[in-house]
Protein backbone atom coordinates (compact mmCIF):
# COMPACT_ATOMS: atom_id res chain seq x y z
CA GLN A 1 7.82 -12.91 -7.03
CA VAL A 2 9.24 -10.76 -4.32
CA GLN A 3 9.36 -12.25 -0.76
CA LEU A 4 10.36 -10.57 2.81
CA VAL A 5 12.01 -12.71 5.30
CA GLU A 6 12.77 -11.67 8.89
CA SER A 7 15.43 -13.34 11.36
CA GLY A 8 16.44 -13.26 14.91
CA GLY A 9 12.82 -12.61 16.73
CA GLY A 10 13.51 -15.25 20.53
CA LEU A 11 12.86 -14.51 24.31
CA VAL A 12 14.84 -11.81 25.74
CA GLN A 13 14.89 -10.73 29.35
CA ALA A 14 14.27 -7.19 29.82
CA GLY A 15 16.73 -4.62 29.59
CA GLY A 16 18.53 -7.42 26.88
CA SER A 17 18.68 -7.12 23.42
CA LEU A 18 17.87 -8.84 20.26
CA ARG A 19 19.06 -8.35 16.62
CA LEU A 20 15.63 -8.35 13.67
CA SER A 21 17.22 -8.48 9.72
CA CYS A 22 14.52 -8.51 6.90
CA THR A 23 15.47 -9.52 3.04
CA ALA A 24 13.46 -9.03 0.39
CA SER A 25 14.05 -12.01 -2.79
CA GLY A 26 12.77 -12.19 -6.45
CA ASN A 27 12.14 -9.56 -9.28
CA ILE A 28 13.02 -6.54 -8.29
CA ARG A 29 13.47 -3.31 -9.98
CA SER A 30 14.43 -1.08 -6.94
CA ILE A 31 13.59 -0.95 -2.82
CA SER A 32 12.47 2.32 -1.73
CA THR A 33 11.57 3.21 2.31
CA MET A 34 11.41 0.13 4.38
CA GLY A 35 10.25 -0.58 8.37
CA TRP A 36 8.98 -2.20 10.74
CA TYR A 37 6.09 -2.81 12.37
CA ARG A 38 4.29 -4.56 15.23
CA GLN A 39 2.02 -5.73 16.29
CA ALA A 40 0.92 -7.24 20.78
CA PRO A 41 -1.65 -8.82 21.23
CA GLU A 42 -5.23 -7.44 20.35
CA LYS A 43 -3.74 -4.82 19.46
CA GLN A 44 -3.50 -2.85 16.51
CA ARG A 45 -0.29 -2.75 14.16
CA GLU A 46 1.65 0.16 14.69
CA LEU A 47 5.24 2.03 13.06
CA VAL A 48 7.80 0.90 14.89
CA ALA A 49 10.46 2.33 12.30
CA THR A 50 10.85 3.41 8.77
CA ILE A 51 14.19 4.40 6.48
CA THR A 52 13.78 5.90 3.04
CA SER A 53 16.55 4.69 0.41
CA ASP A 54 19.60 6.96 0.93
CA GLY A 55 18.78 6.68 5.12
CA SER A 56 16.67 9.17 6.71
CA THR A 57 15.11 7.60 9.15
CA ASN A 58 11.59 7.98 11.22
CA TYR A 59 10.73 6.33 15.42
CA ALA A 60 7.91 6.08 16.69
CA ASP A 61 8.55 8.05 20.24
CA SER A 62 7.61 4.55 22.76
CA VAL A 63 11.46 2.99 20.94
CA LYS A 64 13.72 6.27 20.16
CA GLY A 65 16.70 6.12 21.88
CA ARG A 66 16.64 2.16 22.65
CA PHE A 67 16.24 0.40 18.18
CA THR A 68 18.55 1.76 15.66
CA ILE A 69 16.97 0.87 11.86
CA SER A 70 20.08 0.68 9.66
CA ARG A 71 19.65 -0.77 5.44
CA ASP A 72 21.94 -2.57 3.14
CA ASN A 73 20.47 -1.69 0.04
CA ALA A 74 23.32 -3.97 -1.45
CA LYS A 75 21.81 -7.26 0.78
CA LYS A 76 18.31 -5.20 0.21
CA THR A 77 18.52 -6.28 3.84
CA VAL A 78 16.92 -4.01 6.75
CA TYR A 79 17.91 -3.82 10.26
CA LEU A 80 16.41 -3.48 13.67
CA GLN A 81 18.15 -3.33 16.55
CA MET A 82 17.14 -3.68 19.69
CA ASN A 83 18.30 -2.61 22.84
CA SER A 84 17.44 -2.02 26.30
CA LEU A 85 14.56 -4.49 25.46
CA LYS A 86 11.15 -3.86 28.27
CA PRO A 87 7.94 -5.95 28.09
CA GLU A 88 5.73 -3.89 26.46
CA ASP A 89 8.48 -4.75 22.93
CA THR A 90 6.48 -8.08 23.78
CA ALA A 91 4.72 -8.76 19.80
CA VAL A 92 4.87 -9.89 16.49
CA TYR A 93 7.38 -7.79 14.49
CA TYR A 94 6.44 -7.19 11.35
CA CYS A 95 8.89 -5.92 8.28
CA ASN A 96 7.37 -3.91 5.68
CA ALA A 97 9.47 -2.59 2.61
CA LEU A 98 8.00 -1.21 -0.95
CA ILE A 99 9.44 -2.65 -3.89
CA TYR A 100 8.97 -1.80 -7.49
CA SER A 101 9.31 -4.86 -10.06
CA GLY A 102 7.96 -2.66 -12.87
CA SER A 103 7.34 1.07 -13.29
CA THR A 104 5.17 1.18 -10.09
CA GLY A 105 5.87 0.22 -6.91
CA PHE A 106 4.06 -2.04 -3.88
CA GLY A 107 3.61 -3.20 -0.12
CA TYR A 108 4.91 -5.93 0.57
CA TRP A 109 5.15 -7.50 4.10
CA GLY A 110 7.06 -10.61 5.94
CA GLN A 111 5.46 -12.75 8.35
CA GLY A 112 5.77 -11.82 11.44
CA THR A 113 8.65 -12.95 14.00
CA GLN A 114 7.96 -12.51 17.40
CA VAL A 115 9.63 -10.71 19.74
CA THR A 116 9.14 -11.80 23.78
CA VAL A 117 10.63 -9.90 26.77
CA SER A 118 10.41 -11.44 30.02
CA SER A 119 10.30 -9.16 33.51
C-alpha cells in the first residue's frame, strides 16, 4: 500500500509563513510529478503547484512569487513554502503524487491539512 502523509498546517496571521510537508511511504518504485492542491469551503479543489521528478515547477497565478514548491527525492517528500499568506489562502491543502509500484502509475492523495490565515 502507498500512503501520503501531510504535516505543517495551522493558523497564521496575514503576511505570515507556513511550510507544508508531504511524505510518501509504502510499496514505491518511483515517484513522478508531485503537487499541492487546495479546497476552500464551498469551492472546487484547485491546483496550487506541481513539481516533476527533475525539478520543473508550475504554479497557480494566485500564488506565484509567494509560494515555493520543492522536493527531496531521497526522502520521498514534497514541500510547500508559503510566504506572504493572505486570508484567501485559507483552505484544506492536499498533497498529490503520481506513484509507480510496478509498471503503471497511480495518483494518490494525502488526507489534507488545514491552513487558516486570519486578517
